[in-house]
N, C-alpha and C. Protein backbone atom coordinates (compact mmCIF):
# COMPACT_ATOMS: atom_id res chain seq x y z
N MET A 1 -13.04 -74.25 -3.12
CA MET A 1 -11.46 -74.10 -3.63
C MET A 1 -10.75 -74.41 -2.24
N SER A 2 -9.59 -75.39 -2.56
CA SER A 2 -8.69 -75.81 -1.15
C SER A 2 -8.11 -75.37 -1.12
N HIS A 3 -7.46 -74.91 0.33
CA HIS A 3 -5.99 -74.00 0.38
C HIS A 3 -5.12 -74.48 -0.35
N ASP A 4 -4.59 -75.55 -0.84
CA ASP A 4 -3.59 -75.28 -1.94
C ASP A 4 -3.81 -74.91 -3.08
N ASP A 5 -5.10 -74.73 -3.14
CA ASP A 5 -5.40 -74.27 -4.82
C ASP A 5 -5.53 -72.65 -4.79
N ARG A 6 -5.59 -72.43 -3.40
CA ARG A 6 -6.02 -70.26 -2.77
C ARG A 6 -4.04 -70.17 -3.20
N ALA A 7 -3.77 -71.30 -2.53
CA ALA A 7 -2.29 -71.15 -2.09
C ALA A 7 -1.29 -70.72 -3.72
N GLN A 8 -1.67 -72.10 -4.40
CA GLN A 8 -1.07 -71.58 -5.70
C GLN A 8 -1.70 -70.56 -6.83
N ARG A 9 -3.14 -70.58 -6.92
CA ARG A 9 -3.42 -69.07 -7.22
C ARG A 9 -2.65 -67.75 -7.08
N THR A 10 -2.40 -67.78 -5.95
CA THR A 10 -1.87 -66.40 -5.07
C THR A 10 -0.53 -66.55 -5.51
N ASP A 11 -0.09 -67.92 -5.61
CA ASP A 11 1.41 -67.52 -6.23
C ASP A 11 1.89 -67.12 -7.96
N ARG A 12 0.90 -67.63 -8.84
CA ARG A 12 0.24 -67.05 -9.86
C ARG A 12 0.41 -66.03 -10.17
N VAL A 13 -0.46 -65.01 -9.25
CA VAL A 13 -0.87 -64.14 -9.26
C VAL A 13 0.14 -62.79 -9.04
N ASP A 14 1.47 -63.64 -7.89
CA ASP A 14 2.46 -62.72 -7.80
C ASP A 14 3.77 -62.88 -8.82
N VAL A 15 3.20 -63.87 -9.52
CA VAL A 15 4.48 -64.23 -10.05
C VAL A 15 4.28 -63.39 -11.80
N LEU A 16 2.59 -63.36 -12.24
CA LEU A 16 2.46 -62.50 -13.15
C LEU A 16 3.09 -61.17 -12.67
N GLU A 17 2.39 -60.77 -11.11
CA GLU A 17 3.04 -59.37 -10.71
C GLU A 17 3.81 -58.87 -11.24
N ALA A 18 4.93 -60.23 -11.01
CA ALA A 18 6.96 -59.77 -10.40
C ALA A 18 6.94 -59.81 -12.54
N VAL A 19 6.25 -60.29 -12.99
CA VAL A 19 6.70 -60.32 -14.39
C VAL A 19 6.22 -59.14 -15.34
N GLY A 20 4.95 -58.35 -14.20
CA GLY A 20 4.93 -56.85 -15.01
C GLY A 20 5.90 -56.11 -14.42
N ARG A 21 6.52 -55.93 -13.30
CA ARG A 21 7.24 -54.99 -12.57
C ARG A 21 8.50 -55.18 -13.35
N GLU A 22 9.05 -56.27 -13.63
CA GLU A 22 10.36 -56.25 -14.32
C GLU A 22 10.24 -56.02 -15.71
N THR A 23 8.75 -56.10 -16.11
CA THR A 23 9.21 -56.01 -17.89
C THR A 23 8.43 -53.98 -17.73
N ASP A 24 8.13 -54.04 -16.54
CA ASP A 24 8.59 -52.09 -16.87
C ASP A 24 9.69 -51.32 -16.63
N ARG A 25 10.47 -52.27 -15.27
CA ARG A 25 11.83 -51.83 -15.52
C ARG A 25 12.83 -52.26 -16.51
N LEU A 26 12.61 -53.32 -17.32
CA LEU A 26 13.25 -53.76 -18.80
C LEU A 26 12.86 -52.53 -19.93
N LEU A 27 11.60 -51.79 -19.75
CA LEU A 27 11.17 -50.87 -20.83
C LEU A 27 11.83 -49.83 -20.56
N ALA A 28 11.96 -49.56 -18.73
CA ALA A 28 12.73 -48.19 -18.85
C ALA A 28 14.17 -48.39 -18.94
N GLN A 29 14.82 -49.57 -18.54
CA GLN A 29 16.04 -49.40 -18.95
C GLN A 29 16.20 -49.39 -20.82
N ALA A 30 15.18 -50.08 -21.64
CA ALA A 30 15.47 -49.76 -22.95
C ALA A 30 15.23 -48.57 -23.49
N ASP A 31 14.25 -47.84 -22.78
CA ASP A 31 14.37 -46.18 -23.50
C ASP A 31 15.56 -45.21 -22.79
N HIS A 32 16.19 -45.83 -21.54
CA HIS A 32 17.29 -45.50 -21.18
C HIS A 32 18.45 -45.46 -22.30
N LEU A 33 18.61 -46.99 -22.72
CA LEU A 33 19.62 -46.92 -23.85
C LEU A 33 19.05 -46.40 -24.86
N VAL A 34 18.03 -46.29 -25.48
CA VAL A 34 17.90 -45.52 -27.07
C VAL A 34 18.30 -44.06 -26.50
N HIS A 35 17.78 -43.20 -25.15
CA HIS A 35 18.22 -41.66 -25.21
C HIS A 35 20.05 -41.96 -25.48
N ALA A 36 20.54 -42.87 -24.78
CA ALA A 36 21.68 -42.87 -24.62
C ALA A 36 22.74 -43.29 -25.97
N LEU A 37 21.90 -43.69 -26.66
CA LEU A 37 22.50 -44.10 -28.23
C LEU A 37 22.22 -43.09 -29.23
N ALA A 38 20.90 -42.50 -29.18
CA ALA A 38 20.60 -41.62 -29.78
C ALA A 38 21.57 -39.87 -29.46
N ALA A 39 22.05 -39.75 -28.01
CA ALA A 39 22.78 -38.64 -28.25
C ALA A 39 24.21 -38.83 -28.79
N ARG A 40 24.40 -40.24 -28.54
CA ARG A 40 25.65 -40.90 -29.56
C ARG A 40 25.91 -40.59 -30.71
N SER A 41 24.47 -40.57 -31.46
CA SER A 41 24.46 -40.31 -33.07
C SER A 41 24.04 -38.65 -33.34
N GLY A 42 24.13 -38.06 -32.15
CA GLY A 42 24.18 -36.79 -32.73
C GLY A 42 22.55 -36.48 -32.85
N LEU A 43 21.24 -37.69 -32.40
CA LEU A 43 19.58 -37.43 -32.71
C LEU A 43 19.25 -37.55 -31.59
N ASP A 44 18.09 -37.03 -31.66
CA ASP A 44 16.91 -36.75 -30.18
C ASP A 44 16.23 -38.28 -30.59
N ALA A 45 15.96 -38.91 -29.41
CA ALA A 45 15.76 -40.03 -29.53
C ALA A 45 14.26 -40.69 -30.45
N PRO A 46 13.68 -39.69 -30.60
CA PRO A 46 12.05 -39.84 -31.54
C PRO A 46 12.65 -40.38 -33.10
N ARG A 47 13.42 -39.31 -32.84
CA ARG A 47 14.65 -39.43 -34.66
C ARG A 47 15.17 -40.71 -34.64
N PHE A 48 15.93 -41.23 -33.47
CA PHE A 48 16.92 -42.58 -33.35
C PHE A 48 16.20 -43.72 -34.00
N ARG A 49 14.95 -43.62 -33.06
CA ARG A 49 13.82 -44.59 -33.29
C ARG A 49 13.29 -44.78 -34.64
N CYS A 50 13.19 -43.82 -35.18
CA CYS A 50 12.04 -43.91 -36.59
C CYS A 50 13.56 -44.38 -37.46
N LEU A 51 15.02 -44.40 -37.16
CA LEU A 51 15.97 -44.16 -38.49
C LEU A 51 16.23 -45.94 -37.80
N VAL A 52 16.70 -46.26 -36.69
CA VAL A 52 16.46 -47.61 -36.43
C VAL A 52 15.57 -48.63 -36.80
N LEU A 53 14.17 -48.21 -37.03
CA LEU A 53 13.43 -48.86 -37.65
C LEU A 53 13.48 -49.25 -39.01
N LEU A 54 13.30 -47.95 -39.45
CA LEU A 54 13.97 -47.66 -41.27
C LEU A 54 14.75 -48.28 -41.54
N ARG A 55 16.06 -48.53 -40.99
CA ARG A 55 17.28 -49.29 -41.33
C ARG A 55 16.69 -50.82 -41.31
N HIS A 56 15.86 -51.14 -39.75
CA HIS A 56 15.84 -52.90 -40.35
C HIS A 56 14.64 -53.30 -40.79
N GLN A 57 13.73 -51.95 -41.31
CA GLN A 57 12.19 -52.97 -41.96
C GLN A 57 12.40 -52.42 -42.88
N GLY A 58 12.79 -51.74 -43.19
CA GLY A 58 12.92 -50.63 -44.76
C GLY A 58 11.48 -49.72 -44.30
N PRO A 59 11.44 -48.99 -46.00
CA PRO A 59 10.32 -48.43 -46.18
C PRO A 59 9.01 -48.58 -45.25
N LEU A 60 8.50 -47.94 -44.35
CA LEU A 60 7.40 -47.37 -43.53
C LEU A 60 6.46 -46.46 -44.09
N THR A 61 5.25 -47.10 -44.07
CA THR A 61 4.12 -45.83 -44.56
C THR A 61 3.99 -45.36 -42.94
N LEU A 62 3.82 -43.50 -43.21
CA LEU A 62 3.71 -43.00 -41.86
C LEU A 62 3.73 -43.52 -40.89
N ARG A 63 2.17 -43.90 -40.83
CA ARG A 63 1.44 -44.65 -40.27
C ARG A 63 1.78 -45.95 -39.22
N ARG A 64 2.53 -46.94 -39.76
CA ARG A 64 3.10 -47.69 -39.19
C ARG A 64 4.37 -47.94 -38.57
N LEU A 65 5.26 -46.29 -39.07
CA LEU A 65 6.51 -45.79 -38.59
C LEU A 65 6.10 -45.27 -37.34
N ALA A 66 5.27 -44.53 -37.11
CA ALA A 66 4.59 -43.73 -36.17
C ALA A 66 4.08 -45.03 -34.77
N ALA A 67 3.24 -45.60 -35.70
CA ALA A 67 2.81 -47.35 -34.33
C ALA A 67 4.12 -47.89 -33.55
N LEU A 68 5.10 -47.65 -34.64
CA LEU A 68 6.49 -48.94 -34.10
C LEU A 68 7.21 -48.27 -33.45
N ALA A 69 7.13 -46.66 -33.56
CA ALA A 69 8.29 -45.81 -32.75
C ALA A 69 7.62 -45.02 -31.53
N GLY A 70 6.26 -45.90 -31.52
CA GLY A 70 5.62 -45.29 -30.08
C GLY A 70 5.54 -44.21 -29.86
N LEU A 71 4.89 -43.02 -31.41
CA LEU A 71 5.02 -41.94 -31.54
C LEU A 71 3.30 -41.51 -32.36
N PRO A 72 2.67 -40.52 -31.53
CA PRO A 72 1.59 -39.85 -32.25
C PRO A 72 1.86 -39.82 -33.53
N GLU A 73 0.92 -39.74 -34.24
CA GLU A 73 1.29 -39.52 -36.10
C GLU A 73 1.45 -37.85 -36.32
N PRO A 74 1.10 -37.39 -35.90
CA PRO A 74 1.63 -35.51 -36.23
C PRO A 74 3.16 -35.77 -35.96
N GLU A 75 3.18 -36.29 -34.40
CA GLU A 75 5.01 -35.90 -34.10
C GLU A 75 5.67 -37.07 -35.18
N ALA A 76 5.54 -38.02 -35.52
CA ALA A 76 6.21 -38.82 -36.78
C ALA A 76 6.30 -38.10 -37.72
N ALA A 77 5.12 -37.46 -38.01
CA ALA A 77 5.28 -36.45 -39.63
C ALA A 77 6.10 -35.32 -39.18
N ARG A 78 6.41 -34.83 -38.10
CA ARG A 78 7.77 -34.14 -37.74
C ARG A 78 8.71 -34.80 -37.57
N VAL A 79 9.35 -35.41 -37.36
CA VAL A 79 10.17 -36.44 -37.07
C VAL A 79 10.48 -36.83 -38.31
N VAL A 80 9.95 -37.29 -39.50
CA VAL A 80 9.98 -37.70 -40.90
C VAL A 80 10.77 -36.18 -41.46
N ALA A 81 10.21 -35.18 -41.14
CA ALA A 81 9.86 -33.96 -42.49
C ALA A 81 11.85 -33.91 -41.80
N ARG A 82 12.45 -33.61 -40.58
CA ARG A 82 13.11 -33.34 -40.16
C ARG A 82 14.47 -33.92 -40.24
N LEU A 83 14.01 -35.26 -40.92
CA LEU A 83 15.07 -36.27 -41.28
C LEU A 83 14.93 -36.30 -42.56
N GLU A 84 13.96 -35.85 -43.45
CA GLU A 84 14.14 -35.21 -44.61
C GLU A 84 14.78 -34.60 -45.26
N CYS A 85 14.47 -33.34 -44.48
CA CYS A 85 15.75 -32.10 -44.09
C CYS A 85 17.11 -32.81 -44.04
N ASP A 86 17.16 -33.60 -43.16
CA ASP A 86 18.64 -33.73 -43.05
C ASP A 86 19.26 -35.20 -44.27
N GLY A 87 18.40 -35.05 -45.29
CA GLY A 87 18.77 -36.20 -45.88
C GLY A 87 18.99 -37.82 -45.64
N GLN A 88 18.30 -37.38 -44.26
CA GLN A 88 18.70 -39.27 -43.97
C GLN A 88 17.04 -40.01 -44.63
N VAL A 89 15.86 -39.65 -44.71
CA VAL A 89 14.88 -40.55 -45.76
C VAL A 89 13.94 -39.75 -46.75
N ARG A 90 13.34 -40.33 -47.30
CA ARG A 90 12.40 -39.17 -48.49
C ARG A 90 11.17 -39.80 -48.47
N LEU A 91 10.42 -39.25 -48.21
CA LEU A 91 8.96 -39.37 -48.71
C LEU A 91 8.81 -39.57 -49.39
N GLY A 92 8.15 -40.51 -50.11
CA GLY A 92 7.92 -41.20 -51.51
C GLY A 92 6.95 -41.94 -51.23
N THR A 93 7.16 -43.26 -52.44
CA THR A 93 6.13 -44.04 -52.52
C THR A 93 6.10 -45.58 -52.27
N ASP A 94 5.63 -46.84 -52.43
CA ASP A 94 5.87 -47.78 -52.12
C ASP A 94 6.12 -48.58 -53.88
N SER A 95 6.14 -47.64 -55.12
CA SER A 95 6.39 -48.06 -56.32
C SER A 95 7.75 -48.46 -56.39
N GLY A 96 8.51 -47.96 -55.53
CA GLY A 96 10.02 -48.01 -56.13
C GLY A 96 11.09 -47.58 -54.95
N ASP A 97 12.80 -47.20 -55.47
CA ASP A 97 13.36 -47.14 -54.50
C ASP A 97 13.49 -45.52 -55.01
N PRO A 98 13.31 -44.45 -53.83
CA PRO A 98 13.54 -43.23 -54.34
C PRO A 98 14.87 -43.16 -54.69
N PHE A 99 15.65 -43.91 -54.18
CA PHE A 99 17.07 -43.46 -53.93
C PHE A 99 17.71 -43.79 -54.94
N PRO A 100 19.23 -43.47 -55.46
CA PRO A 100 19.64 -44.31 -56.76
C PRO A 100 21.03 -44.75 -56.01
N PRO A 101 20.83 -45.87 -56.61
CA PRO A 101 22.42 -46.43 -56.25
C PRO A 101 23.69 -46.47 -55.31
N ALA A 102 23.71 -45.35 -55.95
CA ALA A 102 25.32 -44.67 -56.14
C ALA A 102 24.65 -43.01 -55.78
N GLY A 103 25.37 -42.46 -54.79
CA GLY A 103 25.39 -41.20 -54.91
C GLY A 103 24.74 -40.75 -52.99
N GLY A 104 25.03 -40.25 -52.19
CA GLY A 104 24.62 -39.78 -51.01
C GLY A 104 25.42 -39.46 -49.96
N PRO A 105 24.51 -38.69 -49.54
CA PRO A 105 25.44 -38.36 -47.97
C PRO A 105 26.82 -38.48 -47.87
N GLY A 106 28.20 -38.30 -47.51
CA GLY A 106 29.61 -39.09 -47.39
C GLY A 106 30.53 -39.59 -48.86
N ASP A 107 28.65 -39.59 -50.09
CA ASP A 107 29.96 -40.65 -51.45
C ASP A 107 30.43 -39.13 -52.11
N ALA A 108 31.23 -39.76 -52.97
CA ALA A 108 31.66 -38.79 -53.41
C ALA A 108 30.70 -38.10 -54.58
N THR A 109 29.38 -38.93 -55.35
CA THR A 109 29.02 -38.45 -55.64
C THR A 109 27.73 -37.80 -55.18
N PRO A 110 27.11 -36.39 -55.31
CA PRO A 110 26.40 -35.64 -54.99
C PRO A 110 25.04 -36.08 -55.08
N TRP A 111 24.16 -35.87 -53.53
CA TRP A 111 23.21 -36.95 -53.59
C TRP A 111 22.13 -35.70 -53.98
N HIS A 112 20.99 -35.80 -54.54
CA HIS A 112 19.81 -34.77 -54.62
C HIS A 112 18.52 -35.61 -54.37
N PRO A 113 17.98 -35.43 -53.35
CA PRO A 113 16.53 -36.74 -53.21
C PRO A 113 15.31 -35.80 -54.10
N PRO A 114 15.05 -36.55 -54.87
CA PRO A 114 14.07 -36.20 -55.53
C PRO A 114 12.95 -35.43 -54.82
N ARG A 115 12.27 -33.84 -55.89
CA ARG A 115 11.02 -33.53 -55.26
C ARG A 115 9.48 -34.10 -55.08
N GLY A 116 8.82 -34.09 -54.20
CA GLY A 116 7.18 -34.58 -55.00
C GLY A 116 7.07 -35.91 -54.21
N ARG A 117 6.37 -36.54 -54.55
CA ARG A 117 6.22 -37.90 -54.69
C ARG A 117 5.70 -38.65 -56.01
N PRO A 118 7.14 -39.22 -56.26
CA PRO A 118 7.29 -39.70 -57.92
C PRO A 118 5.91 -41.07 -57.59
N GLY A 119 5.36 -41.55 -59.08
CA GLY A 119 5.01 -42.87 -59.43
C GLY A 119 3.66 -43.00 -58.57
N ARG A 120 3.18 -44.33 -58.71
CA ARG A 120 1.59 -44.05 -58.02
C ARG A 120 2.37 -45.17 -56.64
N GLY A 121 1.53 -45.44 -55.98
CA GLY A 121 1.30 -46.34 -54.78
C GLY A 121 1.14 -45.35 -53.61
N ARG A 122 1.22 -46.17 -52.23
CA ARG A 122 1.19 -45.55 -50.84
C ARG A 122 2.20 -44.61 -50.72
N PRO A 123 2.02 -43.79 -49.80
CA PRO A 123 3.40 -42.65 -49.53
C PRO A 123 3.96 -43.61 -48.50
N VAL A 124 5.21 -43.85 -48.51
CA VAL A 124 5.48 -44.13 -47.14
C VAL A 124 7.63 -43.98 -46.91
N VAL A 125 7.91 -43.57 -46.15
CA VAL A 125 9.19 -43.12 -45.85
C VAL A 125 10.19 -44.24 -45.97
N HIS A 126 11.12 -43.77 -46.81
CA HIS A 126 12.29 -44.50 -47.50
C HIS A 126 13.65 -43.77 -46.83
N PRO A 127 13.91 -44.72 -46.22
CA PRO A 127 15.63 -44.41 -45.86
C PRO A 127 16.61 -44.56 -46.92
N HIS A 128 17.55 -43.13 -46.30
CA HIS A 128 18.43 -43.99 -47.38
C HIS A 128 19.69 -43.78 -46.85
N PRO A 129 20.10 -45.61 -47.34
CA PRO A 129 20.75 -46.32 -46.82
C PRO A 129 21.99 -45.77 -46.37
N ALA A 130 22.66 -44.69 -46.98
CA ALA A 130 24.44 -44.55 -46.72
C ALA A 130 24.39 -43.47 -45.47
N ALA A 131 23.25 -42.79 -45.78
CA ALA A 131 23.19 -41.80 -45.08
C ALA A 131 22.50 -42.27 -43.52
N VAL A 132 22.00 -42.85 -43.25
CA VAL A 132 21.37 -43.85 -42.38
C VAL A 132 22.74 -44.07 -41.44
N ARG A 133 23.18 -45.13 -42.10
CA ARG A 133 24.37 -46.12 -41.90
C ARG A 133 25.45 -45.42 -41.23
N ALA A 134 26.11 -43.65 -41.54
CA ALA A 134 26.38 -42.49 -41.35
C ALA A 134 26.20 -42.49 -40.40
N VAL A 135 24.90 -41.75 -39.54
CA VAL A 135 24.91 -41.63 -38.73
C VAL A 135 24.70 -42.47 -37.32
N LEU A 136 24.15 -44.02 -37.83
CA LEU A 136 23.98 -45.11 -36.49
C LEU A 136 25.00 -45.79 -36.35
N GLU A 137 25.76 -45.98 -37.24
CA GLU A 137 26.88 -47.14 -37.08
C GLU A 137 27.68 -46.86 -35.96
N PRO A 138 28.39 -45.45 -35.61
CA PRO A 138 28.74 -45.54 -34.92
C PRO A 138 28.73 -45.56 -33.24
N ALA A 139 27.30 -45.51 -33.10
CA ALA A 139 26.82 -45.63 -31.73
C ALA A 139 26.76 -46.83 -31.85
N LEU A 140 25.68 -47.62 -33.03
CA LEU A 140 25.65 -49.31 -32.82
C LEU A 140 26.66 -50.07 -32.36
N ARG A 141 27.95 -49.69 -32.90
CA ARG A 141 29.11 -50.53 -33.12
C ARG A 141 29.98 -50.10 -31.71
N GLU A 142 29.50 -49.34 -31.35
CA GLU A 142 29.82 -49.50 -29.52
C GLU A 142 29.09 -49.74 -28.72
N LEU A 143 28.01 -49.81 -29.29
CA LEU A 143 26.96 -50.76 -28.06
C LEU A 143 27.53 -52.55 -28.57
N ARG A 144 27.83 -52.48 -29.62
CA ARG A 144 28.18 -54.16 -30.29
C ARG A 144 29.52 -54.20 -28.75
N GLU A 145 30.17 -53.26 -29.26
CA GLU A 145 31.88 -53.54 -28.70
C GLU A 145 32.22 -53.70 -27.21
N ALA A 146 30.70 -52.52 -26.49
CA ALA A 146 30.47 -53.18 -25.33
C ALA A 146 29.87 -54.78 -24.68
N TRP A 147 29.52 -54.71 -25.47
CA TRP A 147 28.11 -56.06 -25.23
C TRP A 147 29.32 -57.06 -25.54
N ALA A 148 29.90 -57.12 -26.24
CA ALA A 148 30.88 -58.60 -26.87
C ALA A 148 31.69 -59.18 -25.74
N PRO A 149 32.06 -58.92 -25.09
CA PRO A 149 32.89 -59.19 -23.65
C PRO A 149 32.25 -59.78 -22.46
N ARG A 150 30.77 -59.02 -22.59
CA ARG A 150 30.13 -59.61 -21.26
C ARG A 150 29.30 -60.89 -21.91
N ALA A 151 29.48 -61.16 -23.26
CA ALA A 151 28.93 -61.97 -24.01
C ALA A 151 29.69 -63.29 -23.85
N GLY A 152 30.82 -63.28 -23.66
CA GLY A 152 31.81 -63.96 -23.27
C GLY A 152 32.05 -64.84 -25.02
N GLY A 153 31.94 -64.22 -26.41
CA GLY A 153 31.56 -65.13 -27.38
C GLY A 153 30.69 -66.22 -27.20
N ARG A 154 29.55 -66.46 -26.44
CA ARG A 154 28.81 -67.40 -26.56
C ARG A 154 27.10 -67.35 -27.08
N CYS A 155 26.88 -67.32 -27.93
CA CYS A 155 25.69 -67.26 -28.40
C CYS A 155 24.65 -67.66 -27.76
N ASP A 156 24.35 -69.01 -27.41
CA ASP A 156 23.84 -69.34 -26.53
C ASP A 156 22.75 -68.49 -25.35
N ASP A 157 24.06 -67.77 -24.34
CA ASP A 157 23.61 -66.92 -23.60
C ASP A 157 22.64 -65.41 -24.34
N LEU A 158 23.11 -64.87 -25.71
CA LEU A 158 22.00 -64.57 -26.25
C LEU A 158 21.10 -64.81 -26.64
N ALA A 159 20.92 -66.04 -27.43
CA ALA A 159 19.67 -66.54 -27.56
C ALA A 159 19.05 -66.78 -26.04
N LEU A 160 19.34 -67.13 -24.94
CA LEU A 160 18.68 -67.34 -24.08
C LEU A 160 17.93 -65.54 -23.46
N VAL A 161 18.69 -64.46 -23.57
CA VAL A 161 18.16 -63.32 -23.31
C VAL A 161 17.15 -63.10 -24.34
N ALA A 162 16.94 -63.67 -25.44
CA ALA A 162 16.63 -63.15 -26.74
C ALA A 162 15.20 -63.81 -26.67
N GLY A 163 15.37 -64.99 -26.42
CA GLY A 163 13.89 -65.86 -25.71
C GLY A 163 13.10 -65.13 -24.76
N LEU A 164 13.77 -65.16 -23.54
CA LEU A 164 13.01 -64.34 -22.70
C LEU A 164 12.52 -63.29 -22.94
N VAL A 165 13.44 -62.34 -23.50
CA VAL A 165 12.62 -60.70 -23.87
C VAL A 165 11.26 -61.44 -24.60
N ALA A 166 11.23 -62.47 -25.77
CA ALA A 166 10.34 -62.36 -25.98
C ALA A 166 8.68 -62.72 -25.60
N ARG A 167 9.28 -64.00 -24.81
CA ARG A 167 8.69 -64.16 -23.76
C ARG A 167 7.99 -63.15 -23.37
N GLY A 168 8.83 -62.38 -22.30
CA GLY A 168 8.22 -61.43 -21.68
C GLY A 168 7.44 -60.50 -22.67
N ARG A 169 7.53 -60.43 -23.68
CA ARG A 169 6.59 -59.51 -24.67
C ARG A 169 5.00 -60.04 -25.06
N ARG A 170 5.26 -60.95 -25.41
CA ARG A 170 3.92 -62.15 -25.17
C ARG A 170 3.42 -62.01 -24.03
N LEU A 171 3.61 -61.92 -22.14
CA LEU A 171 3.24 -62.19 -21.26
C LEU A 171 2.78 -60.71 -21.03
N SER A 172 3.17 -59.94 -22.06
CA SER A 172 2.93 -58.15 -21.39
C SER A 172 1.81 -57.72 -22.59
N ASP A 173 1.38 -58.18 -24.15
CA ASP A 173 0.86 -57.99 -24.35
C ASP A 173 -0.70 -58.78 -24.02
N LEU A 174 -0.43 -60.23 -23.08
CA LEU A 174 -1.31 -60.76 -22.98
C LEU A 174 -1.98 -59.55 -21.42
N ALA A 175 -0.92 -59.35 -20.86
CA ALA A 175 -1.46 -58.58 -19.26
C ALA A 175 -2.15 -57.16 -19.63
N GLU A 176 -1.84 -56.38 -21.15
CA GLU A 176 -3.00 -55.62 -21.61
C GLU A 176 -3.76 -56.18 -21.90
N VAL A 177 -4.61 -57.11 -22.56
CA VAL A 177 -5.91 -57.58 -22.88
C VAL A 177 -5.93 -58.02 -21.60
N LEU A 178 -5.90 -58.45 -20.44
CA LEU A 178 -6.23 -58.69 -19.45
C LEU A 178 -6.84 -57.36 -18.30
N ASN A 179 -6.11 -56.59 -18.72
CA ASN A 179 -6.49 -55.29 -18.38
C ASN A 179 -7.52 -54.89 -18.86
N GLU A 180 -7.69 -54.80 -20.17
CA GLU A 180 -8.63 -53.80 -20.90
C GLU A 180 -10.17 -54.42 -20.35
N PRO A 181 -11.19 -53.10 -20.04
CA PRO A 181 -12.14 -53.10 -19.45
C PRO A 181 -12.94 -54.25 -20.36
N ALA A 182 -14.07 -55.19 -19.50
CA ALA A 182 -14.86 -56.35 -19.88
C ALA A 182 -15.94 -55.25 -20.93
N THR A 183 -16.78 -56.11 -21.85
CA THR A 183 -17.89 -55.75 -22.58
C THR A 183 -18.68 -56.89 -22.42
N PRO A 184 -19.81 -56.46 -22.52
CA PRO A 184 -21.22 -56.90 -21.87
C PRO A 184 -21.20 -58.37 -22.72
N PHE A 185 -20.12 -58.58 -24.22
CA PHE A 185 -20.17 -59.80 -24.79
C PHE A 185 -18.97 -60.77 -24.16
N THR A 186 -18.02 -60.28 -23.31
CA THR A 186 -17.16 -60.86 -23.06
C THR A 186 -17.40 -61.61 -21.66
N LEU A 187 -18.14 -61.35 -20.56
CA LEU A 187 -18.71 -61.67 -19.76
C LEU A 187 -18.62 -62.73 -19.39
């Protein structure tokens, strides 16, 4: 290996290590933001994460919700139980929408979540759209309003940031694969 090849390899390693450091910083900042938004919503971070995921992705199995929220399943089950007591989610099945179109927290018609697990299908956590919106929207609106002046009304800057974050996530996934111990079959 020539001196130039070694120098180029060292540069690549340095850049990959820098990507790892910056990704760690980005994740720490994202976690800090989640805690701040959760506090503004009157929630703890795990409940906030779960509600945001359910708002964006719709009904999820408990296992999938736990994985996406970065929670162990028993903790996710406790979070869902608390959210269910607060009227923000309902544990049901994937066979249909457990919430009627009218009625809910804050609506004129009282909302009474059905009991048990009606119907057949996989057990899933269903968000109550009106309740979730009422809890999350003030903090998310505040975030949008704070971000808008920084974006200067230009979506191309935001698209660039979104692309960089997506590429960084792919690099992080690659780094995790590379850090796994090798098995005899991959040597």
